[in-house]
Amino acid sequence: MTEELPPCPQCSSAYSYEMGELLVCPECAHEWSPSEEAAAEEAAQVRDSVGNVLLDGDNVTIVKDLKVKGGGTIKVGTRVRGIRLVDGVGDHDIDAKVDGFGPMQLKSSVVKKA
């Protein structure tokens, strides 16, 4: 019974091997733990205010009033279509175009997947 090991996350080499608790790449000498890799992938997921995983292109709804500098307030229930996930400024991880307000970055904690 052969278990196929994952490729190296650094150089994508398919020749990784086990060395104790770690996996090792013979081509670039990168060492990594498969459990840490799985935890990093889990942490990389963006979740909305109720815990749903968000993906690029999802439609979301604003769950609380948002004051916009120099432009009023985005009301609860405003729908935002076709979001993009980004590594934005601070906690802002969604790039979207909100009708009536234009392009802006939002926090995933103020939206709910529609």
PDB file of N, CA and C in Angstrom:
ATOM      1  N   MET A   1       0.845  -1.165   0.000  1.00  0.00           N
ATOM      2  CA  MET A   1       0.000   0.000   0.000  1.00  0.00           C
ATOM      3  C   MET A   1       0.895   1.234   0.000  1.00  0.00           C
ATOM      4  N   THR A   2       0.872   2.008  -1.086  1.00  0.00           N
ATOM      5  CA  THR A   2       1.705   3.204  -1.158  1.00  0.00           C
ATOM      6  C   THR A   2       0.838   4.431  -0.971  1.00  0.00           C
ATOM      7  N   GLU A   3       1.281   5.293  -0.089  1.00  0.00           N
ATOM      8  CA  GLU A   3       0.581   6.553   0.158  1.00  0.00           C
ATOM      9  C   GLU A   3       1.338   7.650  -0.577  1.00  0.00           C
ATOM     10  N   GLU A   4       0.655   8.387  -1.435  1.00  0.00           N
ATOM     11  CA  GLU A   4       1.312   9.431  -2.193  1.00  0.00           C
ATOM     12  C   GLU A   4       1.470  10.668  -1.316  1.00  0.00           C
ATOM     13  N   LEU A   5       2.686  11.169  -1.252  1.00  0.00           N
ATOM     14  CA  LEU A   5       2.976  12.346  -0.436  1.00  0.00           C
ATOM     15  C   LEU A   5       2.709  13.604  -1.250  1.00  0.00           C
ATOM     16  N   PRO A   6       2.355  14.696  -0.590  1.00  0.00           N
ATOM     17  CA  PRO A   6       2.081  15.941  -1.316  1.00  0.00           C
ATOM     18  C   PRO A   6       3.367  16.524  -1.895  1.00  0.00           C
ATOM     19  N   PRO A   7       3.258  17.302  -2.973  1.00  0.00           N
ATOM     20  CA  PRO A   7       4.451  17.929  -3.549  1.00  0.00           C
ATOM     21  C   PRO A   7       4.982  19.034  -2.630  1.00  0.00           C
ATOM     22  N   CYS A   8       6.197  19.421  -2.861  1.00  0.00           N
ATOM     23  CA  CYS A   8       6.831  20.475  -2.070  1.00  0.00           C
ATOM     24  C   CYS A   8       6.075  21.794  -2.261  1.00  0.00           C
ATOM     25  N   PRO A   9       5.698  22.489  -1.174  1.00  0.00           N
ATOM     26  CA  PRO A   9       4.979  23.752  -1.322  1.00  0.00           C
ATOM     27  C   PRO A   9       5.864  24.890  -1.825  1.00  0.00           C
ATOM     28  N   GLN A  10       7.177  24.708  -1.782  1.00  0.00           N
ATOM     29  CA  GLN A  10       8.081  25.769  -2.201  1.00  0.00           C
ATOM     30  C   GLN A  10       8.440  25.667  -3.683  1.00  0.00           C
ATOM     31  N   CYS A  11       8.795  24.448  -4.144  1.00  0.00           N
ATOM     32  CA  CYS A  11       9.236  24.298  -5.534  1.00  0.00           C
ATOM     33  C   CYS A  11       8.352  23.363  -6.353  1.00  0.00           C
ATOM     34  N   SER A  12       7.315  22.783  -5.746  1.00  0.00           N
ATOM     35  CA  SER A  12       6.358  21.879  -6.395  1.00  0.00           C
ATOM     36  C   SER A  12       6.963  20.565  -6.867  1.00  0.00           C
ATOM     37  N   SER A  13       8.089  20.172  -6.316  1.00  0.00           N
ATOM     38  CA  SER A  13       8.713  18.899  -6.661  1.00  0.00           C
ATOM     39  C   SER A  13       7.848  17.748  -6.156  1.00  0.00           C
ATOM     40  N   ALA A  14       7.715  16.714  -6.956  1.00  0.00           N
ATOM     41  CA  ALA A  14       6.899  15.555  -6.587  1.00  0.00           C
ATOM     42  C   ALA A  14       7.692  14.509  -5.815  1.00  0.00           C
ATOM     43  N   TYR A  15       8.964  14.766  -5.546  1.00  0.00           N
ATOM     44  CA  TYR A  15       9.835  13.764  -4.925  1.00  0.00           C
ATOM     45  C   TYR A  15      10.000  13.957  -3.423  1.00  0.00           C
ATOM     46  N   SER A  16       8.998  14.462  -2.728  1.00  0.00           N
ATOM     47  CA  SER A  16       9.117  14.650  -1.279  1.00  0.00           C
ATOM     48  C   SER A  16       9.150  13.302  -0.579  1.00  0.00           C
ATOM     49  N   TYR A  17       9.774  13.277   0.601  1.00  0.00           N
ATOM     50  CA  TYR A  17       9.850  12.051   1.384  1.00  0.00           C
ATOM     51  C   TYR A  17       9.694  12.379   2.856  1.00  0.00           C
ATOM     52  N   GLU A  18       9.371  11.363   3.645  1.00  0.00           N
ATOM     53  CA  GLU A  18       9.167  11.540   5.082  1.00  0.00           C
ATOM     54  C   GLU A  18      10.479  11.373   5.827  1.00  0.00           C
ATOM     55  N   MET A  19      10.651  12.227   6.852  1.00  0.00           N
ATOM     56  CA  MET A  19      11.789  12.114   7.744  1.00  0.00           C
ATOM     57  C   MET A  19      11.256  12.390   9.149  1.00  0.00           C
ATOM     58  N   GLY A  20      10.822  11.341   9.813  1.00  0.00           N
ATOM     59  CA  GLY A  20      10.196  11.506  11.124  1.00  0.00           C
ATOM     60  C   GLY A  20       8.832  12.144  10.961  1.00  0.00           C
ATOM     61  N   GLU A  21       8.602  13.258  11.661  1.00  0.00           N
ATOM     62  CA  GLU A  21       7.327  13.991  11.599  1.00  0.00           C
ATOM     63  C   GLU A  21       7.259  14.946  10.411  1.00  0.00           C
ATOM     64  N   LEU A  22       8.397  15.199   9.755  1.00  0.00           N
ATOM     65  CA  LEU A  22       8.470  16.194   8.690  1.00  0.00           C
ATOM     66  C   LEU A  22       8.465  15.553   7.316  1.00  0.00           C
ATOM     67  N   LEU A  23       8.113  16.350   6.328  1.00  0.00           N
ATOM     68  CA  LEU A  23       8.291  15.985   4.926  1.00  0.00           C
ATOM     69  C   LEU A  23       9.449  16.822   4.404  1.00  0.00           C
ATOM     70  N   VAL A  24      10.269  16.236   3.523  1.00  0.00           N
ATOM     71  CA  VAL A  24      11.470  16.908   3.033  1.00  0.00           C
ATOM     72  C   VAL A  24      11.482  16.849   1.511  1.00  0.00           C
ATOM     73  N   CYS A  25      11.923  17.946   0.905  1.00  0.00           N
ATOM     74  CA  CYS A  25      12.088  18.000  -0.549  1.00  0.00           C
ATOM     75  C   CYS A  25      13.575  17.810  -0.864  1.00  0.00           C
ATOM     76  N   PRO A  26      13.942  16.810  -1.667  1.00  0.00           N
ATOM     77  CA  PRO A  26      15.353  16.595  -1.976  1.00  0.00           C
ATOM     78  C   PRO A  26      15.917  17.617  -2.973  1.00  0.00           C
ATOM     79  N   GLU A  27      15.057  18.316  -3.682  1.00  0.00           N
ATOM     80  CA  GLU A  27      15.530  19.254  -4.701  1.00  0.00           C
ATOM     81  C   GLU A  27      15.870  20.630  -4.133  1.00  0.00           C
ATOM     82  N   CYS A  28      15.032  21.134  -3.200  1.00  0.00           N
ATOM     83  CA  CYS A  28      15.295  22.469  -2.653  1.00  0.00           C
ATOM     84  C   CYS A  28      15.606  22.445  -1.157  1.00  0.00           C
ATOM     85  N   ALA A  29      15.566  21.261  -0.529  1.00  0.00           N
ATOM     86  CA  ALA A  29      15.866  21.054   0.895  1.00  0.00           C
ATOM     87  C   ALA A  29      14.852  21.719   1.818  1.00  0.00           C
ATOM     88  N   HIS A  30      13.660  21.985   1.317  1.00  0.00           N
ATOM     89  CA  HIS A  30      12.610  22.571   2.153  1.00  0.00           C
ATOM     90  C   HIS A  30      12.023  21.479   3.042  1.00  0.00           C
ATOM     91  N   GLU A  31      11.826  21.806   4.329  1.00  0.00           N
ATOM     92  CA  GLU A  31      11.207  20.874   5.274  1.00  0.00           C
ATOM     93  C   GLU A  31       9.911  21.484   5.771  1.00  0.00           C
ATOM     94  N   TRP A  32       8.852  20.673   5.867  1.00  0.00           N
ATOM     95  CA  TRP A  32       7.575  21.173   6.349  1.00  0.00           C
ATOM     96  C   TRP A  32       6.796  20.078   7.038  1.00  0.00           C
ATOM     97  N   SER A  33       5.870  20.504   7.857  1.00  0.00           N
ATOM     98  CA  SER A  33       5.010  19.576   8.575  1.00  0.00           C
ATOM     99  C   SER A  33       3.655  19.537   7.885  1.00  0.00           C
ATOM    100  N   PRO A  34       3.141  18.357   7.553  1.00  0.00           N
ATOM    101  CA  PRO A  34       1.841  18.292   6.878  1.00  0.00           C
ATOM    102  C   PRO A  34       0.709  18.845   7.738  1.00  0.00           C
ATOM    103  N   SER A  35       0.787  18.714   9.056  1.00  0.00           N
ATOM    104  CA  SER A  35      -0.274  19.239   9.922  1.00  0.00           C
ATOM    105  C   SER A  35      -0.254  20.764   9.942  1.00  0.00           C
ATOM    106  N   GLU A  36       0.935  21.379   9.911  1.00  0.00           N
ATOM    107  CA  GLU A  36       1.028  22.836   9.861  1.00  0.00           C
ATOM    108  C   GLU A  36       0.513  23.360   8.532  1.00  0.00           C
ATOM    109  N   GLU A  37       0.772  22.628   7.462  1.00  0.00           N
ATOM    110  CA  GLU A  37       0.305  23.026   6.135  1.00  0.00           C
ATOM    111  C   GLU A  37      -1.219  23.027   6.084  1.00  0.00           C
ATOM    112  N   ALA A  38      -1.837  22.009   6.661  1.00  0.00           N
ATOM    113  CA  ALA A  38      -3.302  21.928   6.695  1.00  0.00           C
ATOM    114  C   ALA A  38      -3.877  23.059   7.541  1.00  0.00           C
ATOM    115  N   ALA A  39      -3.225  23.384   8.651  1.00  0.00           N
ATOM    116  CA  ALA A  39      -3.687  24.479   9.509  1.00  0.00           C
ATOM    117  C   ALA A  39      -3.557  25.817   8.794  1.00  0.00           C
ATOM    118  N   ALA A  40      -2.495  26.008   8.021  1.00  0.00           N
ATOM    119  CA  ALA A  40      -2.311  27.253   7.270  1.00  0.00           C
ATOM    120  C   ALA A  40      -3.370  27.404   6.188  1.00  0.00           C
ATOM    121  N   GLU A  41      -3.738  26.306   5.524  1.00  0.00           N
ATOM    122  CA  GLU A  41      -4.788  26.365   4.511  1.00  0.00           C
ATOM    123  C   GLU A  41      -6.127  26.718   5.145  1.00  0.00           C
ATOM    124  N   GLU A  42      -6.406  26.171   6.325  1.00  0.00           N
ATOM    125  CA  GLU A  42      -7.649  26.473   7.038  1.00  0.00           C
ATOM    126  C   GLU A  42      -7.690  27.942   7.441  1.00  0.00           C
ATOM    127  N   ALA A  43      -6.560  28.472   7.890  1.00  0.00           N
ATOM    128  CA  ALA A  43      -6.497  29.872   8.316  1.00  0.00           C
ATOM    129  C   ALA A  43      -6.611  30.823   7.120  1.00  0.00           C
ATOM    130  N   ALA A  44      -6.228  30.367   5.939  1.00  0.00           N
ATOM    131  CA  ALA A  44      -6.257  31.215   4.757  1.00  0.00           C
ATOM    132  C   ALA A  44      -7.672  31.426   4.225  1.00  0.00           C
ATOM    133  N   GLN A  45      -8.632  30.641   4.665  1.00  0.00           N
ATOM    134  CA  GLN A  45      -9.998  30.801   4.198  1.00  0.00           C
ATOM    135  C   GLN A  45     -10.609  32.064   4.797  1.00  0.00           C
ATOM    136  N   VAL A  46     -11.363  32.780   3.973  1.00  0.00           N
ATOM    137  CA  VAL A  46     -12.069  33.975   4.432  1.00  0.00           C
ATOM    138  C   VAL A  46     -13.500  33.573   4.752  1.00  0.00           C
ATOM    139  N   ARG A  47     -13.946  33.895   5.964  1.00  0.00           N
ATOM    140  CA  ARG A  47     -15.296  33.534   6.404  1.00  0.00           C
ATOM    141  C   ARG A  47     -16.098  34.806   6.682  1.00  0.00           C
ATOM    142  N   ASP A  48     -17.416  34.725   6.422  1.00  0.00           N
ATOM    143  CA  ASP A  48     -18.290  35.860   6.671  1.00  0.00           C
ATOM    144  C   ASP A  48     -18.661  35.941   8.148  1.00  0.00           C
ATOM    145  N   SER A  49     -19.591  36.822   8.489  1.00  0.00           N
ATOM    146  CA  SER A  49     -19.951  37.064   9.888  1.00  0.00           C
ATOM    147  C   SER A  49     -20.603  35.874  10.577  1.00  0.00           C
ATOM    148  N   VAL A  50     -21.159  34.926   9.810  1.00  0.00           N
ATOM    149  CA  VAL A  50     -21.794  33.749  10.411  1.00  0.00           C
ATOM    150  C   VAL A  50     -20.997  32.467  10.185  1.00  0.00           C
ATOM    151  N   GLY A  51     -19.802  32.562   9.594  1.00  0.00           N
ATOM    152  CA  GLY A  51     -18.928  31.419   9.452  1.00  0.00           C
ATOM    153  C   GLY A  51     -18.929  30.738   8.103  1.00  0.00           C
ATOM    154  N   ASN A  52     -19.659  31.244   7.125  1.00  0.00           N
ATOM    155  CA  ASN A  52     -19.652  30.652   5.784  1.00  0.00           C
ATOM    156  C   ASN A  52     -18.351  31.020   5.069  1.00  0.00           C
ATOM    157  N   VAL A  53     -17.779  30.088   4.319  1.00  0.00           N
ATOM    158  CA  VAL A  53     -16.558  30.352   3.564  1.00  0.00           C
ATOM    159  C   VAL A  53     -16.916  31.196   2.345  1.00  0.00           C
ATOM    160  N   LEU A  54     -16.171  32.292   2.139  1.00  0.00           N
ATOM    161  CA  LEU A  54     -16.398  33.177   0.998  1.00  0.00           C
ATOM    162  C   LEU A  54     -15.405  32.857  -0.114  1.00  0.00           C
ATOM    163  N   LEU A  55     -15.857  32.971  -1.356  1.00  0.00           N
ATOM    164  CA  LEU A  55     -15.032  32.739  -2.532  1.00  0.00           C
ATOM    165  C   LEU A  55     -15.166  33.926  -3.475  1.00  0.00           C
ATOM    166  N   ASP A  56     -14.204  34.081  -4.392  1.00  0.00           N
ATOM    167  CA  ASP A  56     -14.299  35.129  -5.407  1.00  0.00           C
ATOM    168  C   ASP A  56     -15.586  34.965  -6.200  1.00  0.00           C
ATOM    169  N   GLY A  57     -16.278  36.072  -6.458  1.00  0.00           N
ATOM    170  CA  GLY A  57     -17.498  36.044  -7.252  1.00  0.00           C
ATOM    171  C   GLY A  57     -18.770  35.846  -6.457  1.00  0.00           C
ATOM    172  N   ASP A  58     -18.669  35.599  -5.147  1.00  0.00           N
ATOM    173  CA  ASP A  58     -19.866  35.420  -4.323  1.00  0.00           C
ATOM    174  C   ASP A  58     -20.649  36.726  -4.201  1.00  0.00           C
ATOM    175  N   ASN A  59     -21.938  36.588  -3.926  1.00  0.00           N
ATOM    176  CA  ASN A  59     -22.786  37.731  -3.610  1.00  0.00           C
ATOM    177  C   ASN A  59     -22.968  37.762  -2.103  1.00  0.00           C
ATOM    178  N   VAL A  60     -22.885  38.958  -1.512  1.00  0.00           N
ATOM    179  CA  VAL A  60     -23.004  39.099  -0.065  1.00  0.00           C
ATOM    180  C   VAL A  60     -24.001  40.201   0.277  1.00  0.00           C
ATOM    181  N   THR A  61     -24.408  40.210   1.540  1.00  0.00           N
ATOM    182  CA  THR A  61     -25.307  41.229   2.067  1.00  0.00           C
ATOM    183  C   THR A  61     -24.640  41.885   3.265  1.00  0.00           C
ATOM    184  N   ILE A  62     -24.747  43.196   3.366  1.00  0.00           N
ATOM    185  CA  ILE A  62     -24.184  43.938   4.499  1.00  0.00           C
ATOM    186  C   ILE A  62     -25.051  43.661   5.729  1.00  0.00           C
ATOM    187  N   VAL A  63     -24.429  43.351   6.884  1.00  0.00           N
ATOM    188  CA  VAL A  63     -25.190  42.981   8.079  1.00  0.00           C
ATOM    189  C   VAL A  63     -25.265  44.090   9.127  1.00  0.00           C
ATOM    190  N   LYS A  64     -24.579  45.221   8.915  1.00  0.00           N
ATOM    191  CA  LYS A  64     -24.709  46.348   9.833  1.00  0.00           C
ATOM    192  C   LYS A  64     -24.442  47.641   9.076  1.00  0.00           C
ATOM    193  N   ASP A  65     -25.001  48.730   9.573  1.00  0.00           N
ATOM    194  CA  ASP A  65     -24.802  50.022   8.919  1.00  0.00           C
ATOM    195  C   ASP A  65     -23.324  50.379   8.910  1.00  0.00           C
ATOM    196  N   LEU A  66     -22.840  50.855   7.749  1.00  0.00           N
ATOM    197  CA  LEU A  66     -21.441  51.248   7.610  1.00  0.00           C
ATOM    198  C   LEU A  66     -21.369  52.715   7.240  1.00  0.00           C
ATOM    199  N   LYS A  67     -20.681  53.506   8.052  1.00  0.00           N
ATOM    200  CA  LYS A  67     -20.490  54.915   7.732  1.00  0.00           C
ATOM    201  C   LYS A  67     -19.313  55.032   6.769  1.00  0.00           C
ATOM    202  N   VAL A  68     -19.522  55.767   5.681  1.00  0.00           N
ATOM    203  CA  VAL A  68     -18.500  55.951   4.662  1.00  0.00           C
ATOM    204  C   VAL A  68     -18.000  57.384   4.757  1.00  0.00           C
ATOM    205  N   LYS A  69     -16.683  57.558   4.834  1.00  0.00           N
ATOM    206  CA  LYS A  69     -16.115  58.904   4.924  1.00  0.00           C
ATOM    207  C   LYS A  69     -16.562  59.744   3.733  1.00  0.00           C
ATOM    208  N   GLY A  70     -17.179  60.868   4.018  1.00  0.00           N
ATOM    209  CA  GLY A  70     -17.590  61.793   2.980  1.00  0.00           C
ATOM    210  C   GLY A  70     -18.665  61.280   2.051  1.00  0.00           C
ATOM    211  N   GLY A  71     -19.449  60.270   2.473  1.00  0.00           N
ATOM    212  CA  GLY A  71     -20.423  59.760   1.534  1.00  0.00           C
ATOM    213  C   GLY A  71     -21.651  59.120   2.131  1.00  0.00           C
ATOM    214  N   GLY A  72     -21.954  59.335   3.387  1.00  0.00           N
ATOM    215  CA  GLY A  72     -23.181  58.792   3.930  1.00  0.00           C
ATOM    216  C   GLY A  72     -23.007  57.450   4.614  1.00  0.00           C
ATOM    217  N   THR A  73     -24.054  56.620   4.514  1.00  0.00           N
ATOM    218  CA  THR A  73     -24.089  55.338   5.211  1.00  0.00           C
ATOM    219  C   THR A  73     -24.594  54.240   4.285  1.00  0.00           C
ATOM    220  N   ILE A  74     -23.914  53.098   4.330  1.00  0.00           N
ATOM    221  CA  ILE A  74     -24.393  51.912   3.618  1.00  0.00           C
ATOM    222  C   ILE A  74     -25.312  51.201   4.599  1.00  0.00           C
ATOM    223  N   LYS A  75     -26.552  51.005   4.216  1.00  0.00           N
ATOM    224  CA  LYS A  75     -27.573  50.447   5.109  1.00  0.00           C
ATOM    225  C   LYS A  75     -27.500  48.924   5.200  1.00  0.00           C
ATOM    226  N   VAL A  76     -28.026  48.385   6.295  1.00  0.00           N
ATOM    227  CA  VAL A  76     -28.147  46.944   6.491  1.00  0.00           C
ATOM    228  C   VAL A  76     -28.993  46.371   5.359  1.00  0.00           C
ATOM    229  N   GLY A  77     -28.586  45.223   4.829  1.00  0.00           N
ATOM    230  CA  GLY A  77     -29.350  44.569   3.775  1.00  0.00           C
ATOM    231  C   GLY A  77     -28.918  44.935   2.377  1.00  0.00           C
ATOM    232  N   THR A  78     -27.974  45.857   2.227  1.00  0.00           N
ATOM    233  CA  THR A  78     -27.481  46.226   0.901  1.00  0.00           C
ATOM    234  C   THR A  78     -26.768  45.025   0.299  1.00  0.00           C
ATOM    235  N   ARG A  79     -27.160  44.657  -0.918  1.00  0.00           N
ATOM    236  CA  ARG A  79     -26.531  43.511  -1.590  1.00  0.00           C
ATOM    237  C   ARG A  79     -25.327  43.976  -2.389  1.00  0.00           C
ATOM    238  N   VAL A  80     -24.270  43.189  -2.312  1.00  0.00           N
ATOM    239  CA  VAL A  80     -23.047  43.454  -3.068  1.00  0.00           C
ATOM    240  C   VAL A  80     -22.793  42.225  -3.924  1.00  0.00           C
ATOM    241  N   ARG A  81     -22.649  42.421  -5.227  1.00  0.00           N
ATOM    242  CA  ARG A  81     -22.497  41.301  -6.151  1.00  0.00           C
ATOM    243  C   ARG A  81     -21.043  41.160  -6.613  1.00  0.00           C
ATOM    244  N   GLY A  82     -20.622  39.935  -6.799  1.00  0.00           N
ATOM    245  CA  GLY A  82     -19.315  39.638  -7.400  1.00  0.00           C
ATOM    246  C   GLY A  82     -18.126  40.167  -6.621  1.00  0.00           C
ATOM    247  N   ILE A  83     -17.963  39.743  -5.376  1.00  0.00           N
ATOM    248  CA  ILE A  83     -16.833  40.217  -4.570  1.00  0.00           C
ATOM    249  C   ILE A  83     -15.528  39.569  -5.038  1.00  0.00           C
ATOM    250  N   ARG A  84     -14.418  40.198  -4.674  1.00  0.00           N
ATOM    251  CA  ARG A  84     -13.093  39.636  -4.898  1.00  0.00           C
ATOM    252  C   ARG A  84     -12.383  39.597  -3.560  1.00  0.00           C
ATOM    253  N   LEU A  85     -11.736  38.501  -3.260  1.00  0.00           N
ATOM    254  CA  LEU A  85     -10.988  38.377  -2.020  1.00  0.00           C
ATOM    255  C   LEU A  85      -9.575  38.899  -2.241  1.00  0.00           C
ATOM    256  N   VAL A  86      -9.132  39.793  -1.362  1.00  0.00           N
ATOM    257  CA  VAL A  86      -7.817  40.417  -1.479  1.00  0.00           C
ATOM    258  C   VAL A  86      -7.153  40.459  -0.111  1.00  0.00           C
ATOM    259  N   ASP A  87      -5.870  40.744  -0.108  1.00  0.00           N
ATOM    260  CA  ASP A  87      -5.147  40.992   1.136  1.00  0.00           C
ATOM    261  C   ASP A  87      -5.056  42.508   1.260  1.00  0.00           C
ATOM    262  N   GLY A  88      -6.106  43.111   1.796  1.00  0.00           N
ATOM    263  CA  GLY A  88      -6.219  44.560   1.831  1.00  0.00           C
ATOM    264  C   GLY A  88      -5.577  45.196   3.042  1.00  0.00           C
ATOM    265  N   VAL A  89      -5.868  46.464   3.220  1.00  0.00           N
ATOM    266  CA  VAL A  89      -5.339  47.245   4.321  1.00  0.00           C
ATOM    267  C   VAL A  89      -6.029  46.827   5.615  1.00  0.00           C
ATOM    268  N   GLY A  90      -5.255  46.519   6.636  1.00  0.00           N
ATOM    269  CA  GLY A  90      -5.824  46.131   7.919  1.00  0.00           C
ATOM    270  C   GLY A  90      -6.607  44.839   7.807  1.00  0.00           C
ATOM    271  N   ASP A  91      -7.843  44.852   8.319  1.00  0.00           N
ATOM    272  CA  ASP A  91      -8.704  43.670   8.290  1.00  0.00           C
ATOM    273  C   ASP A  91      -9.555  43.588   7.027  1.00  0.00           C
ATOM    274  N   HIS A  92      -9.410  44.515   6.125  1.00  0.00           N
ATOM    275  CA  HIS A  92     -10.234  44.553   4.919  1.00  0.00           C
ATOM    276  C   HIS A  92      -9.764  43.470   3.951  1.00  0.00           C
ATOM    277  N   ASP A  93     -10.616  42.464   3.725  1.00  0.00           N
ATOM    278  CA  ASP A  93     -10.216  41.350   2.877  1.00  0.00           C
ATOM    279  C   ASP A  93     -11.158  41.122   1.705  1.00  0.00           C
ATOM    280  N   ILE A  94     -12.085  42.048   1.463  1.00  0.00           N
ATOM    281  CA  ILE A  94     -13.007  41.945   0.337  1.00  0.00           C
ATOM    282  C   ILE A  94     -12.926  43.226  -0.478  1.00  0.00           C
ATOM    283  N   ASP A  95     -12.784  43.083  -1.782  1.00  0.00           N
ATOM    284  CA  ASP A  95     -12.799  44.204  -2.704  1.00  0.00           C
ATOM    285  C   ASP A  95     -14.106  44.104  -3.474  1.00  0.00           C
ATOM    286  N   ALA A  96     -14.911  45.171  -3.446  1.00  0.00           N
ATOM    287  CA  ALA A  96     -16.241  45.102  -4.058  1.00  0.00           C
ATOM    288  C   ALA A  96     -16.661  46.463  -4.590  1.00  0.00           C
ATOM    289  N   LYS A  97     -17.676  46.439  -5.438  1.00  0.00           N
ATOM    290  CA  LYS A  97     -18.286  47.672  -5.933  1.00  0.00           C
ATOM    291  C   LYS A  97     -19.689  47.716  -5.348  1.00  0.00           C
ATOM    292  N   VAL A  98     -19.926  48.687  -4.468  1.00  0.00           N
ATOM    293  CA  VAL A  98     -21.213  48.833  -3.803  1.00  0.00           C
ATOM    294  C   VAL A  98     -22.030  49.860  -4.592  1.00  0.00           C
ATOM    295  N   ASP A  99     -23.242  49.472  -5.005  1.00  0.00           N
ATOM    296  CA  ASP A  99     -24.093  50.373  -5.778  1.00  0.00           C
ATOM    297  C   ASP A  99     -24.329  51.674  -5.010  1.00  0.00           C
ATOM    298  N   GLY A 100     -24.136  52.790  -5.679  1.00  0.00           N
ATOM    299  CA  GLY A 100     -24.342  54.098  -5.073  1.00  0.00           C
ATOM    300  C   GLY A 100     -23.131  54.631  -4.335  1.00  0.00           C
ATOM    301  N   PHE A 101     -22.116  53.783  -4.091  1.00  0.00           N
ATOM    302  CA  PHE A 101     -20.929  54.219  -3.356  1.00  0.00           C
ATOM    303  C   PHE A 101     -19.641  53.977  -4.129  1.00  0.00           C
ATOM    304  N   GLY A 102     -19.659  53.081  -5.100  1.00  0.00           N
ATOM    305  CA  GLY A 102     -18.477  52.801  -5.905  1.00  0.00           C
ATOM    306  C   GLY A 102     -17.598  51.718  -5.317  1.00  0.00           C
ATOM    307  N   PRO A 103     -16.385  51.600  -5.848  1.00  0.00           N
ATOM    308  CA  PRO A 103     -15.477  50.547  -5.383  1.00  0.00           C
ATOM    309  C   PRO A 103     -14.957  50.831  -3.976  1.00  0.00           C
ATOM    310  N   MET A 104     -14.885  49.791  -3.150  1.00  0.00           N
ATOM    311  CA  MET A 104     -14.347  49.930  -1.800  1.00  0.00           C
ATOM    312  C   MET A 104     -13.947  48.576  -1.260  1.00  0.00           C
ATOM    313  N   GLN A 105     -13.199  48.612  -0.164  1.00  0.00           N
ATOM    314  CA  GLN A 105     -12.815  47.377   0.513  1.00  0.00           C
ATOM    315  C   GLN A 105     -13.671  47.221   1.756  1.00  0.00           C
ATOM    316  N   LEU A 106     -14.089  45.976   2.016  1.00  0.00           N
ATOM    317  CA  LEU A 106     -14.947  45.662   3.155  1.00  0.00           C
ATOM    318  C   LEU A 106     -14.280  44.606   4.020  1.00  0.00           C
ATOM    319  N   LYS A 107     -14.703  44.544   5.267  1.00  0.00           N
ATOM    320  CA  LYS A 107     -14.264  43.487   6.172  1.00  0.00           C
ATOM    321  C   LYS A 107     -15.249  42.320   6.047  1.00  0.00           C
ATOM    322  N   SER A 108     -14.733  41.105   6.124  1.00  0.00           N
ATOM    323  CA  SER A 108     -15.616  39.943   6.037  1.00  0.00           C
ATOM    324  C   SER A 108     -16.523  39.842   7.236  1.00  0.00           C
ATOM    325  N   SER A 109     -16.201  40.520   8.336  1.00  0.00           N
ATOM    326  CA  SER A 109     -17.028  40.460   9.545  1.00  0.00           C
ATOM    327  C   SER A 109     -18.304  41.291   9.438  1.00  0.00           C
ATOM    328  N   VAL A 110     -18.456  42.084   8.381  1.00  0.00           N
ATOM    329  CA  VAL A 110     -19.676  42.901   8.224  1.00  0.00           C
ATOM    330  C   VAL A 110     -20.544  42.439   7.066  1.00  0.00           C
ATOM    331  N   VAL A 111     -20.240  41.265   6.500  1.00  0.00           N
ATOM    332  CA  VAL A 111     -21.048  40.755   5.396  1.00  0.00           C
ATOM    333  C   VAL A 111     -21.527  39.338   5.698  1.00  0.00           C
ATOM    334  N   LYS A 112     -22.589  38.943   4.999  1.00  0.00           N
ATOM    335  CA  LYS A 112     -23.125  37.590   5.107  1.00  0.00           C
ATOM    336  C   LYS A 112     -23.334  37.096   3.684  1.00  0.00           C
ATOM    337  N   LYS A 113     -22.946  35.850   3.430  1.00  0.00           N
ATOM    338  CA  LYS A 113     -23.104  35.271   2.104  1.00  0.00           C
ATOM    339  C   LYS A 113     -24.588  35.230   1.740  1.00  0.00           C
ATOM    340  N   ALA A 114     -24.908  35.718   0.533  1.00  0.00           N
ATOM    341  CA  ALA A 114     -26.314  35.770   0.104  1.00  0.00           C
ATOM    342  C   ALA A 114     -26.736  34.462  -0.534  1.00  0.00           C
TER     343      ALA A 114
END
